[in-house]
N, C-alpha and C. Protein backbone atom coordinates (compact mmCIF):
# COMPACT_ATOMS: atom_id res chain seq x y z
N MET A 1 102.76 81.42 30.86
CA MET A 1 101.68 80.93 30.03
C MET A 1 100.35 81.38 30.64
N GLU A 2 99.45 81.86 29.82
CA GLU A 2 98.18 82.36 30.31
C GLU A 2 97.18 81.22 30.53
N VAL A 3 96.19 81.48 31.36
CA VAL A 3 95.14 80.52 31.65
C VAL A 3 94.16 80.47 30.48
N ASN A 4 93.73 79.28 30.10
CA ASN A 4 92.73 79.13 29.04
C ASN A 4 91.35 79.28 29.67
N ASN A 5 90.73 80.43 29.47
CA ASN A 5 89.42 80.70 30.05
C ASN A 5 88.29 79.98 29.35
N LYS A 6 88.57 79.31 28.24
CA LYS A 6 87.53 78.56 27.54
C LYS A 6 87.28 77.20 28.19
N ILE A 7 88.27 76.70 28.93
CA ILE A 7 88.15 75.42 29.61
C ILE A 7 87.89 75.69 31.09
N GLY A 8 86.81 75.13 31.61
CA GLY A 8 86.44 75.37 33.00
C GLY A 8 87.04 74.35 33.94
N LYS A 9 86.37 74.16 35.03
CA LYS A 9 86.86 73.26 36.07
C LYS A 9 86.63 71.80 35.69
N LEU A 10 87.31 70.95 36.41
CA LEU A 10 87.13 69.51 36.24
C LEU A 10 85.68 69.16 36.58
N HIS A 11 85.01 68.47 35.68
CA HIS A 11 83.60 68.11 35.88
C HIS A 11 83.45 66.70 36.44
N HIS A 12 84.13 65.74 35.81
CA HIS A 12 84.09 64.36 36.31
C HIS A 12 85.25 63.54 35.74
N MET A 13 85.46 62.40 36.37
CA MET A 13 86.40 61.40 35.88
C MET A 13 85.59 60.13 35.64
N ALA A 14 85.94 59.39 34.59
CA ALA A 14 85.20 58.18 34.25
C ALA A 14 86.14 56.97 34.24
N PHE A 15 85.67 55.91 34.87
CA PHE A 15 86.44 54.68 34.99
C PHE A 15 85.67 53.52 34.36
N VAL A 16 86.39 52.65 33.69
CA VAL A 16 85.82 51.40 33.19
C VAL A 16 86.43 50.28 34.02
N SER A 17 85.58 49.34 34.44
CA SER A 17 86.04 48.26 35.30
C SER A 17 85.26 46.99 34.98
N PRO A 18 85.88 45.83 35.15
CA PRO A 18 85.11 44.59 34.99
C PRO A 18 84.05 44.45 36.08
N ASP A 19 84.18 45.21 37.18
CA ASP A 19 83.21 45.19 38.28
C ASP A 19 83.07 46.60 38.85
N CYS A 20 82.21 47.40 38.22
CA CYS A 20 82.11 48.81 38.64
C CYS A 20 81.51 48.94 40.04
N GLU A 21 80.69 47.99 40.47
CA GLU A 21 80.14 48.05 41.84
C GLU A 21 81.27 47.94 42.87
N LYS A 22 82.20 47.05 42.63
CA LYS A 22 83.34 46.89 43.53
C LYS A 22 84.21 48.15 43.52
N LEU A 23 84.47 48.69 42.35
CA LEU A 23 85.28 49.91 42.25
C LEU A 23 84.56 51.09 42.90
N LEU A 24 83.26 51.19 42.71
CA LEU A 24 82.46 52.23 43.36
C LEU A 24 82.61 52.15 44.88
N LYS A 25 82.51 50.96 45.44
CA LYS A 25 82.66 50.79 46.90
C LYS A 25 84.07 51.20 47.36
N THR A 26 85.07 50.91 46.54
CA THR A 26 86.44 51.32 46.88
C THR A 26 86.53 52.83 46.97
N TYR A 27 85.96 53.52 45.99
CA TYR A 27 86.00 54.99 46.01
C TYR A 27 85.15 55.56 47.14
N GLN A 28 84.03 54.91 47.47
CA GLN A 28 83.24 55.36 48.62
C GLN A 28 84.02 55.17 49.91
N ASP A 29 84.76 54.09 50.02
CA ASP A 29 85.57 53.84 51.21
C ASP A 29 86.64 54.92 51.35
N MET A 30 87.24 55.31 50.22
CA MET A 30 88.30 56.31 50.24
C MET A 30 87.75 57.73 50.44
N LEU A 31 86.67 58.08 49.72
CA LEU A 31 86.21 59.46 49.67
C LEU A 31 85.00 59.78 50.55
N GLY A 32 84.24 58.76 50.89
CA GLY A 32 83.00 58.97 51.63
C GLY A 32 81.84 58.44 50.81
N GLN A 33 80.72 58.21 51.48
CA GLN A 33 79.57 57.58 50.82
C GLN A 33 78.99 58.41 49.68
N GLY A 34 78.83 59.70 49.87
CA GLY A 34 78.25 60.55 48.83
C GLY A 34 76.89 60.04 48.41
N THR A 35 76.46 60.46 47.24
CA THR A 35 75.21 59.95 46.66
C THR A 35 75.55 59.20 45.39
N VAL A 36 74.80 58.13 45.13
CA VAL A 36 75.05 57.29 43.97
C VAL A 36 73.82 57.30 43.07
N GLU A 37 74.07 57.54 41.78
CA GLU A 37 73.01 57.46 40.78
C GLU A 37 73.20 56.18 39.98
N ASN A 38 72.11 55.43 39.81
CA ASN A 38 72.10 54.24 38.97
C ASN A 38 71.56 54.66 37.62
N LEU A 39 72.40 54.65 36.59
CA LEU A 39 72.01 55.12 35.27
C LEU A 39 72.08 54.00 34.22
N ASP A 40 71.82 52.77 34.65
CA ASP A 40 71.89 51.63 33.73
C ASP A 40 70.99 51.81 32.51
N SER A 41 69.84 52.43 32.69
CA SER A 41 68.88 52.56 31.60
C SER A 41 69.32 53.55 30.53
N VAL A 42 70.34 54.33 30.81
CA VAL A 42 70.78 55.38 29.89
C VAL A 42 71.62 54.82 28.74
N LEU A 43 72.42 53.81 29.00
CA LEU A 43 73.35 53.28 28.00
C LEU A 43 73.09 51.80 27.75
N PRO A 44 73.08 51.36 26.50
CA PRO A 44 72.84 49.95 26.21
C PRO A 44 73.99 49.06 26.70
N GLU A 45 73.60 47.93 27.28
CA GLU A 45 74.54 46.89 27.70
C GLU A 45 75.68 47.45 28.55
N THR A 46 75.33 48.34 29.49
CA THR A 46 76.34 48.96 30.34
C THR A 46 75.79 49.16 31.75
N ILE A 47 76.53 48.68 32.73
CA ILE A 47 76.24 49.04 34.13
C ILE A 47 76.91 50.39 34.34
N PHE A 48 76.14 51.37 34.81
CA PHE A 48 76.62 52.76 34.88
C PHE A 48 76.19 53.36 36.21
N ARG A 49 77.20 53.74 37.02
CA ARG A 49 76.96 54.39 38.30
C ARG A 49 77.72 55.71 38.34
N VAL A 50 77.13 56.68 39.03
CA VAL A 50 77.79 57.97 39.25
C VAL A 50 77.83 58.23 40.74
N LEU A 51 79.03 58.47 41.25
CA LEU A 51 79.23 58.83 42.64
C LEU A 51 79.45 60.34 42.72
N ASN A 52 78.61 61.01 43.48
CA ASN A 52 78.76 62.45 43.73
C ASN A 52 79.24 62.60 45.17
N VAL A 53 80.46 63.10 45.32
CA VAL A 53 81.01 63.26 46.66
C VAL A 53 81.98 64.44 46.67
N ASN A 54 81.89 65.24 47.70
CA ASN A 54 82.79 66.40 47.86
C ASN A 54 82.78 67.33 46.65
N GLY A 55 81.63 67.50 46.01
CA GLY A 55 81.52 68.40 44.87
C GLY A 55 82.10 67.87 43.57
N MET A 56 82.40 66.59 43.54
CA MET A 56 83.01 65.97 42.36
C MET A 56 82.17 64.78 41.93
N LYS A 57 82.19 64.49 40.63
CA LYS A 57 81.49 63.33 40.09
C LYS A 57 82.51 62.31 39.60
N TYR A 58 82.22 61.06 39.89
CA TYR A 58 83.03 59.93 39.42
C TYR A 58 82.08 58.97 38.71
N GLU A 59 82.36 58.66 37.45
CA GLU A 59 81.52 57.75 36.69
C GLU A 59 82.20 56.39 36.64
N PHE A 60 81.39 55.33 36.82
CA PHE A 60 81.89 53.96 36.80
C PHE A 60 81.07 53.15 35.79
N PHE A 61 81.76 52.50 34.87
CA PHE A 61 81.12 51.73 33.80
C PHE A 61 81.62 50.29 33.80
N THR A 62 80.70 49.35 33.58
CA THR A 62 81.05 47.98 33.26
C THR A 62 80.25 47.59 32.03
N PRO A 63 80.91 47.35 30.91
CA PRO A 63 80.18 46.89 29.73
C PRO A 63 79.71 45.45 29.94
N THR A 64 78.47 45.17 29.53
CA THR A 64 77.93 43.82 29.68
C THR A 64 77.69 43.14 28.34
N GLY A 65 78.01 43.85 27.26
CA GLY A 65 77.84 43.29 25.93
C GLY A 65 78.54 44.15 24.89
N GLU A 66 78.56 43.65 23.67
CA GLU A 66 79.29 44.32 22.59
C GLU A 66 78.66 45.64 22.17
N LYS A 67 77.42 45.89 22.52
CA LYS A 67 76.77 47.15 22.14
C LYS A 67 77.16 48.31 23.06
N SER A 68 77.85 48.00 24.15
CA SER A 68 78.32 49.04 25.07
C SER A 68 79.44 49.84 24.42
N PHE A 69 79.38 51.16 24.55
CA PHE A 69 80.46 51.98 23.97
C PHE A 69 81.76 51.81 24.75
N MET A 70 81.72 51.14 25.90
CA MET A 70 82.91 50.86 26.70
C MET A 70 83.46 49.46 26.45
N TYR A 71 82.77 48.68 25.62
CA TYR A 71 83.15 47.28 25.41
C TYR A 71 84.60 47.13 24.93
N GLN A 72 84.96 47.86 23.89
CA GLN A 72 86.31 47.72 23.32
C GLN A 72 87.38 48.14 24.32
N TYR A 73 87.09 49.16 25.11
CA TYR A 73 88.07 49.62 26.11
C TYR A 73 88.41 48.48 27.07
N LEU A 74 87.39 47.78 27.55
CA LEU A 74 87.65 46.68 28.49
C LEU A 74 88.32 45.49 27.80
N GLN A 75 88.08 45.32 26.50
CA GLN A 75 88.80 44.28 25.76
C GLN A 75 90.29 44.63 25.68
N ASP A 76 90.57 45.91 25.45
CA ASP A 76 91.96 46.36 25.33
C ASP A 76 92.67 46.43 26.68
N TYR A 77 91.91 46.74 27.73
CA TYR A 77 92.46 46.89 29.09
C TYR A 77 91.59 46.08 30.05
N PRO A 78 91.80 44.76 30.12
CA PRO A 78 90.92 43.87 30.88
C PRO A 78 90.78 44.21 32.37
N LYS A 79 91.77 44.88 32.94
CA LYS A 79 91.66 45.27 34.35
C LYS A 79 90.96 46.61 34.51
N GLY A 80 90.66 47.28 33.40
CA GLY A 80 89.99 48.57 33.44
C GLY A 80 90.98 49.71 33.61
N GLY A 81 90.45 50.89 33.89
CA GLY A 81 91.28 52.06 34.09
C GLY A 81 90.49 53.34 33.91
N ILE A 82 91.21 54.45 33.87
CA ILE A 82 90.57 55.75 33.64
C ILE A 82 90.23 55.85 32.15
N HIS A 83 88.98 55.99 31.84
CA HIS A 83 88.55 56.13 30.45
C HIS A 83 88.69 57.56 29.97
N HIS A 84 88.20 58.51 30.79
CA HIS A 84 88.34 59.91 30.38
C HIS A 84 88.23 60.85 31.58
N ILE A 85 88.71 62.07 31.34
CA ILE A 85 88.58 63.17 32.29
C ILE A 85 87.77 64.24 31.56
N CYS A 86 86.77 64.78 32.24
CA CYS A 86 85.87 65.74 31.62
C CYS A 86 86.01 67.12 32.26
N TYR A 87 86.07 68.13 31.40
CA TYR A 87 86.12 69.53 31.84
C TYR A 87 84.86 70.25 31.40
N ALA A 88 84.32 71.06 32.28
CA ALA A 88 83.15 71.88 31.97
C ALA A 88 83.57 73.06 31.11
N VAL A 89 82.73 73.41 30.14
CA VAL A 89 82.96 74.59 29.31
C VAL A 89 81.64 75.34 29.17
N ASP A 90 81.75 76.65 28.98
CA ASP A 90 80.55 77.46 28.74
C ASP A 90 80.09 77.38 27.30
N ASN A 91 81.04 77.31 26.37
CA ASN A 91 80.72 77.29 24.95
C ASN A 91 81.53 76.18 24.28
N ILE A 92 80.87 75.08 23.98
CA ILE A 92 81.56 73.90 23.45
C ILE A 92 82.21 74.17 22.10
N GLU A 93 81.54 74.94 21.25
CA GLU A 93 82.10 75.22 19.93
C GLU A 93 83.39 76.03 20.04
N GLU A 94 83.39 77.07 20.88
CA GLU A 94 84.60 77.89 21.05
C GLU A 94 85.74 77.09 21.67
N ALA A 95 85.43 76.32 22.71
CA ALA A 95 86.47 75.54 23.39
C ALA A 95 87.05 74.48 22.46
N THR A 96 86.19 73.82 21.68
CA THR A 96 86.67 72.81 20.72
C THR A 96 87.54 73.46 19.66
N LYS A 97 87.08 74.55 19.11
CA LYS A 97 87.86 75.26 18.08
C LYS A 97 89.22 75.68 18.62
N ASP A 98 89.24 76.17 19.86
CA ASP A 98 90.49 76.60 20.48
C ASP A 98 91.49 75.44 20.57
N LEU A 99 91.03 74.27 21.03
CA LEU A 99 91.94 73.12 21.16
C LEU A 99 92.37 72.59 19.79
N VAL A 100 91.46 72.57 18.84
CA VAL A 100 91.82 72.12 17.48
C VAL A 100 92.86 73.07 16.88
N ASN A 101 92.68 74.37 17.09
CA ASN A 101 93.66 75.35 16.59
C ASN A 101 95.02 75.18 17.25
N LYS A 102 95.06 74.59 18.43
CA LYS A 102 96.33 74.33 19.12
C LYS A 102 96.93 72.99 18.71
N GLY A 103 96.24 72.28 17.80
CA GLY A 103 96.81 71.04 17.26
C GLY A 103 96.26 69.76 17.87
N TYR A 104 95.26 69.84 18.74
CA TYR A 104 94.67 68.65 19.34
C TYR A 104 93.59 68.08 18.42
N THR A 105 93.38 66.77 18.50
CA THR A 105 92.52 66.08 17.55
C THR A 105 91.22 65.62 18.21
N VAL A 106 90.08 65.98 17.61
CA VAL A 106 88.81 65.50 18.13
C VAL A 106 88.69 64.01 17.84
N SER A 107 87.91 63.35 18.68
CA SER A 107 87.66 61.92 18.54
C SER A 107 86.18 61.74 18.25
N GLY A 108 85.83 61.76 16.99
CA GLY A 108 84.44 61.61 16.60
C GLY A 108 83.69 62.93 16.60
N PRO A 109 82.44 62.87 16.18
CA PRO A 109 81.64 64.10 16.10
C PRO A 109 81.19 64.58 17.47
N MET A 110 80.83 65.84 17.56
CA MET A 110 80.27 66.39 18.78
C MET A 110 78.95 65.66 19.05
N GLY A 111 78.69 65.38 20.31
CA GLY A 111 77.47 64.66 20.66
C GLY A 111 76.60 65.45 21.62
N THR A 112 75.43 64.90 21.88
CA THR A 112 74.51 65.48 22.85
C THR A 112 74.15 64.41 23.87
N ALA A 113 74.38 64.71 25.14
CA ALA A 113 74.09 63.77 26.22
C ALA A 113 72.58 63.70 26.47
N THR A 114 72.17 62.75 27.29
CA THR A 114 70.75 62.57 27.56
C THR A 114 70.13 63.79 28.25
N ASN A 115 70.95 64.61 28.90
CA ASN A 115 70.45 65.83 29.54
C ASN A 115 70.52 67.03 28.59
N ASN A 116 70.75 66.77 27.31
CA ASN A 116 70.84 67.78 26.24
C ASN A 116 72.09 68.65 26.30
N ASN A 117 73.05 68.32 27.14
CA ASN A 117 74.34 69.03 27.14
C ASN A 117 75.20 68.49 26.01
N LYS A 118 75.85 69.38 25.30
CA LYS A 118 76.75 68.97 24.21
C LYS A 118 78.10 68.55 24.79
N TYR A 119 78.73 67.57 24.13
CA TYR A 119 80.05 67.12 24.55
C TYR A 119 80.93 66.86 23.33
N GLN A 120 82.24 66.91 23.58
CA GLN A 120 83.22 66.59 22.54
C GLN A 120 84.38 65.85 23.18
N PHE A 121 84.75 64.71 22.60
CA PHE A 121 85.91 63.96 23.05
C PHE A 121 87.12 64.30 22.18
N PHE A 122 88.30 64.19 22.80
CA PHE A 122 89.57 64.40 22.10
C PHE A 122 90.41 63.14 22.21
N GLN A 123 91.26 62.92 21.20
CA GLN A 123 92.10 61.73 21.12
C GLN A 123 93.00 61.58 22.35
N PRO A 124 93.04 60.39 22.92
CA PRO A 124 93.89 60.16 24.08
C PRO A 124 95.38 60.36 23.80
N ASN A 125 95.82 60.09 22.59
CA ASN A 125 97.25 60.24 22.26
C ASN A 125 97.75 61.65 22.50
N ASP A 126 96.85 62.64 22.41
CA ASP A 126 97.25 64.03 22.61
C ASP A 126 97.41 64.40 24.09
N PHE A 127 96.89 63.55 24.98
CA PHE A 127 96.84 63.91 26.41
C PHE A 127 97.34 62.77 27.30
N GLY A 128 98.49 62.22 26.97
CA GLY A 128 99.09 61.19 27.82
C GLY A 128 98.28 59.92 27.91
N ASN A 129 97.62 59.54 26.81
CA ASN A 129 96.80 58.34 26.73
C ASN A 129 95.57 58.35 27.63
N ILE A 130 95.09 59.55 27.95
CA ILE A 130 93.82 59.72 28.66
C ILE A 130 92.91 60.51 27.74
N GLN A 131 91.73 59.99 27.46
CA GLN A 131 90.80 60.73 26.63
C GLN A 131 90.26 61.93 27.41
N ILE A 132 90.15 63.06 26.74
CA ILE A 132 89.62 64.28 27.34
C ILE A 132 88.24 64.55 26.75
N GLU A 133 87.32 64.89 27.62
CA GLU A 133 85.97 65.27 27.20
C GLU A 133 85.73 66.71 27.62
N LEU A 134 85.12 67.47 26.74
CA LEU A 134 84.61 68.80 27.07
C LEU A 134 83.08 68.67 27.15
N LEU A 135 82.49 69.26 28.17
CA LEU A 135 81.05 69.19 28.36
C LEU A 135 80.49 70.58 28.58
N GLN A 136 79.57 70.98 27.72
CA GLN A 136 78.96 72.29 27.89
C GLN A 136 77.91 72.19 28.98
N CYS A 137 78.10 72.96 30.03
CA CYS A 137 77.13 72.94 31.13
C CYS A 137 77.14 74.26 31.88
């Protein structure tokens, strides 16, 4: 089987937790302190931290209200878990089209992150119950 050159390297993993500060400290204990970004102001009703360590990003979310896009996930999985795995792509339209042509299902419309990078989520059912995100960067 050939390598899919439209999908790049692993960009980040995202976790939802009832206590993302505690989970962040666990990952820092395991991986090293790294640098932490506090991005609470970016998302409504969500505590949001990003740990950058060893060239990898780990996102940690705790929804604090129903307006959080992570709220339903924590309702469904009260102990939390891996919300999604993100892969970097050079061209989001080509990479999305390629996966759709292979039978994978997008989850909602393509979006634009606060840094103006485009992203696309895919249905978790297609990938072992883990949501996949493509991020153009």
